[in-house]
C-alpha atoms as a PDB file:
ATOM      1  CA  MET A   1     -61.751  32.960  15.831  1.00  0.00           C
ATOM      2  CA  ASN A   2     -64.554  35.239  17.899  1.00  0.00           C
ATOM      3  CA  LEU A   3     -66.796  33.132  20.743  1.00  0.00           C
ATOM      4  CA  SER A   4     -69.553  35.023  22.721  1.00  0.00           C
ATOM      5  CA  PHE A   5     -71.969  33.757  25.957  1.00  0.00           C
ATOM      6  CA  ILE A   6     -74.105  37.251  24.331  1.00  0.00           C
ATOM      7  CA  PRO A   7     -76.198  37.715  28.312  1.00  0.00           C
ATOM      8  CA  ALA A   8     -72.930  38.688  30.187  1.00  0.00           C
ATOM      9  CA  ASN A   9     -71.481  40.485  26.819  1.00  0.00           C
ATOM     10  CA  LEU A  10     -68.269  37.612  27.604  1.00  0.00           C
ATOM     11  CA  GLN A  11     -66.075  37.116  24.464  1.00  0.00           C
ATOM     12  CA  LEU A  12     -63.523  35.353  22.778  1.00  0.00           C
ATOM     13  CA  THR A  13     -61.224  37.294  20.573  1.00  0.00           C
ATOM     14  CA  LYS A  14     -58.312  36.948  17.991  1.00  0.00           C
ATOM     15  CA  ASP A  15     -56.561  40.142  17.148  1.00  0.00           C
ATOM     16  CA  LYS A  16     -53.917  40.301  14.770  1.00  0.00           C
ATOM     17  CA  ASP A  17     -51.232  39.949  16.659  1.00  0.00           C
ATOM     18  CA  GLY A  18     -52.112  36.289  17.588  1.00  0.00           C
ATOM     19  CA  TRP A  19     -53.192  37.612  21.010  1.00  0.00           C
ATOM     20  CA  TYR A  20     -55.961  35.658  22.430  1.00  0.00           C
ATOM     21  CA  LEU A  21     -58.376  38.290  24.358  1.00  0.00           C
ATOM     22  CA  VAL A  22     -61.232  36.786  27.056  1.00  0.00           C
ATOM     23  CA  THR A  23     -62.881  39.738  27.804  1.00  0.00           C
ATOM     24  CA  LEU A  24     -66.204  40.201  30.275  1.00  0.00           C
ATOM     25  CA  GLN A  25     -68.473  43.294  29.942  1.00  0.00           C
ATOM     26  CA  ASP A  26     -65.968  45.268  28.150  1.00  0.00           C
ATOM     27  CA  GLU A  27     -62.711  44.203  30.614  1.00  0.00           C
ATOM     28  CA  GLU A  28     -60.285  42.035  29.622  1.00  0.00           C
ATOM     29  CA  ILE A  29     -60.162  38.898  31.753  1.00  0.00           C
ATOM     30  CA  LEU A  30     -56.590  36.785  30.259  1.00  0.00           C
ATOM     31  CA  ARG A  31     -55.013  37.898  27.168  1.00  0.00           C
ATOM     32  CA  THR A  32     -52.056  35.069  26.025  1.00  0.00           C
ATOM     33  CA  ARG A  33     -50.841  33.552  22.605  1.00  0.00           C
ATOM     34  CA  THR A  34     -52.307  29.950  23.232  1.00  0.00           C
ATOM     35  CA  GLU A  35     -55.848  29.278  21.942  1.00  0.00           C
ATOM     36  CA  LYS A  36     -56.561  26.143  24.248  1.00  0.00           C
ATOM     37  CA  LYS A  37     -56.259  28.524  27.223  1.00  0.00           C
ATOM     38  CA  ALA A  38     -58.313  31.084  26.177  1.00  0.00           C
ATOM     39  CA  VAL A  39     -61.278  28.415  25.305  1.00  0.00           C
ATOM     40  CA  ALA A  40     -60.775  26.350  29.027  1.00  0.00           C
ATOM     41  CA  LYS A  41     -60.966  30.164  30.636  1.00  0.00           C
ATOM     42  CA  PHE A  42     -63.694  31.332  27.953  1.00  0.00           C
ATOM     43  CA  ASN A  43     -65.996  27.556  29.123  1.00  0.00           C
ATOM     44  CA  ALA A  44     -65.045  27.735  32.796  1.00  0.00           C
ATOM     45  CA  LEU A  45     -66.374  30.976  32.769  1.00  0.00           C
ATOM     46  CA  ARG A  46     -69.484  30.745  30.949  1.00  0.00           C
ATOM     47  CA  ARG A  47     -70.224  27.750  32.988  1.00  0.00           C
ATOM     48  CA  GLU A  48     -70.437  29.881  35.990  1.00  0.00           C
ATOM     49  CA  LEU A  49     -71.926  32.105  33.546  1.00  0.00           C
ATOM     50  CA  GLU A  50     -75.030  30.428  32.876  1.00  0.00           C
ATOM     51  CA  ALA A  51     -75.884  29.573  36.148  1.00  0.00           C
ATOM     52  CA  GLN A  52     -76.516  32.830  36.894  1.00  0.00           C
ATOM     53  CA  PHE A  53     -78.451  33.288  32.826  1.00  0.00           C
ATOM     54  CA  PRO A  54     -80.153  30.021  32.422  1.00  0.00           C
ATOM     55  CA  ALA A  55     -82.089  29.326  29.211  1.00  0.00           C
ATOM     56  CA  ARG A  56     -85.704  29.953  28.611  1.00  0.00           C
ATOM     57  CA  GLU A  57     -88.028  28.319  27.611  1.00  0.00           C
ATOM     58  CA  LEU A  58     -89.969  28.976  24.431  1.00  0.00           C
ATOM     59  CA  THR A  59     -93.652  29.723  24.684  1.00  0.00           C
ATOM     60  CA  LYS A  60     -95.600  27.272  23.077  1.00  0.00           C
ATOM     61  CA  GLU A  61     -96.836  30.223  20.070  1.00  0.00           C
ATOM     62  CA  GLU A  62     -93.200  30.800  19.509  1.00  0.00           C
ATOM     63  CA  LYS A  63     -92.293  27.158  19.239  1.00  0.00           C
ATOM     64  CA  THR A  64     -95.243  26.290  17.044  1.00  0.00           C
ATOM     65  CA  LYS A  65     -94.514  29.754  14.789  1.00  0.00           C
ATOM     66  CA  LEU A  66     -89.853  28.203  14.483  1.00  0.00           C
ATOM     67  CA  LEU A  67     -91.249  24.873  13.631  1.00  0.00           C
ATOM     68  CA  LEU A  68     -94.060  26.910  10.698  1.00  0.00           C
ATOM     69  CA  LYS A  69     -90.773  28.344   9.646  1.00  0.00           C
ATOM     70  CA  TYR A  70     -88.512  25.279   9.873  1.00  0.00           C
ATOM     71  CA  ILE A  71     -91.559  23.499   7.507  1.00  0.00           C
ATOM     72  CA  SER A  72     -91.580  26.296   4.776  1.00  0.00           C
ATOM     73  CA  ASP A  73     -88.192  25.919   4.204  1.00  0.00           C
ATOM     74  CA  SER A  74     -87.682  22.856   4.263  1.00  0.00           C
ATOM     75  CA  LYS A  75     -90.221  22.706   1.349  1.00  0.00           C
ATOM     76  CA  VAL A  76     -88.853  25.472  -0.772  1.00  0.00           C
ATOM     77  CA  GLY A  77     -85.600  23.394  -0.896  1.00  0.00           C
ATOM     78  CA  LEU A  78     -87.237  19.530  -2.080  1.00  0.00           C
ATOM     79  CA  ASP A  79     -88.786  21.674  -5.117  1.00  0.00           C
ATOM     80  CA  HIS A  80     -86.221  23.566  -5.820  1.00  0.00           C
ATOM     81  CA  ASN A  81     -82.469  24.171  -5.537  1.00  0.00           C
ATOM     82  CA  SER A  82     -80.918  27.882  -5.711  1.00  0.00           C
ATOM     83  CA  PHE A  83     -77.393  26.449  -6.423  1.00  0.00           C
ATOM     84  CA  ARG A  84     -77.360  24.403  -8.965  1.00  0.00           C
ATOM     85  CA  GLU A  85     -77.413  25.705 -12.646  1.00  0.00           C
ATOM     86  CA  PRO A  86     -80.362  25.506 -14.359  1.00  0.00           C
ATOM     87  CA  GLU A  87     -79.590  23.330 -17.291  1.00  0.00           C
ATOM     88  CA  LYS A  88     -79.588  24.405 -20.332  1.00  0.00           C
ATOM     89  CA  LYS A  89     -81.408  23.823 -23.524  1.00  0.00           C
ATOM     90  CA  LYS A  90     -80.596  20.988 -25.790  1.00  0.00           C
ATOM     91  CA  LYS A  91     -80.894  21.921 -29.439  1.00  0.00           C
ATOM     92  CA  SER A  92     -82.206  18.985 -31.791  1.00  0.00           C
ATOM     93  CA  GLY A  93     -80.013  17.320 -34.332  1.00  0.00           C
ATOM     94  CA  SER A  94     -79.532  18.869 -37.136  1.00  0.00           C
ATOM     95  CA  THR A  95     -81.246  16.482 -40.052  1.00  0.00           C
ATOM     96  CA  ARG A  96     -79.267  15.533 -42.794  1.00  0.00           C
ATOM     97  CA  THR A  97     -80.918  14.502 -46.038  1.00  0.00           C
ATOM     98  CA  PHE A  98     -79.037  12.833 -48.639  1.00  0.00           C
ATOM     99  CA  GLY A  99     -80.522  12.707 -52.233  1.00  0.00           C
END
């Protein structure tokens, strides 16, 4: 499990020994075996930090660029499905002629 809040360098990771580790700017805040407690601490810290690092509004140019990218990506999906194998061409049946 890996969760992060990048603006404040807040991380929640699970190591190979099964410990959940919450770190803030590379300083250990909490180490526990229970996932529920680690996620609760991570979410509490994240809520506090979101007040210090508010999300900014996208500019009109950024919104336009994202919309155009979304539209172009969805158009490709309508015409072509790259995950599906192409259908094999069928051979015409052999004709049998008697007599």
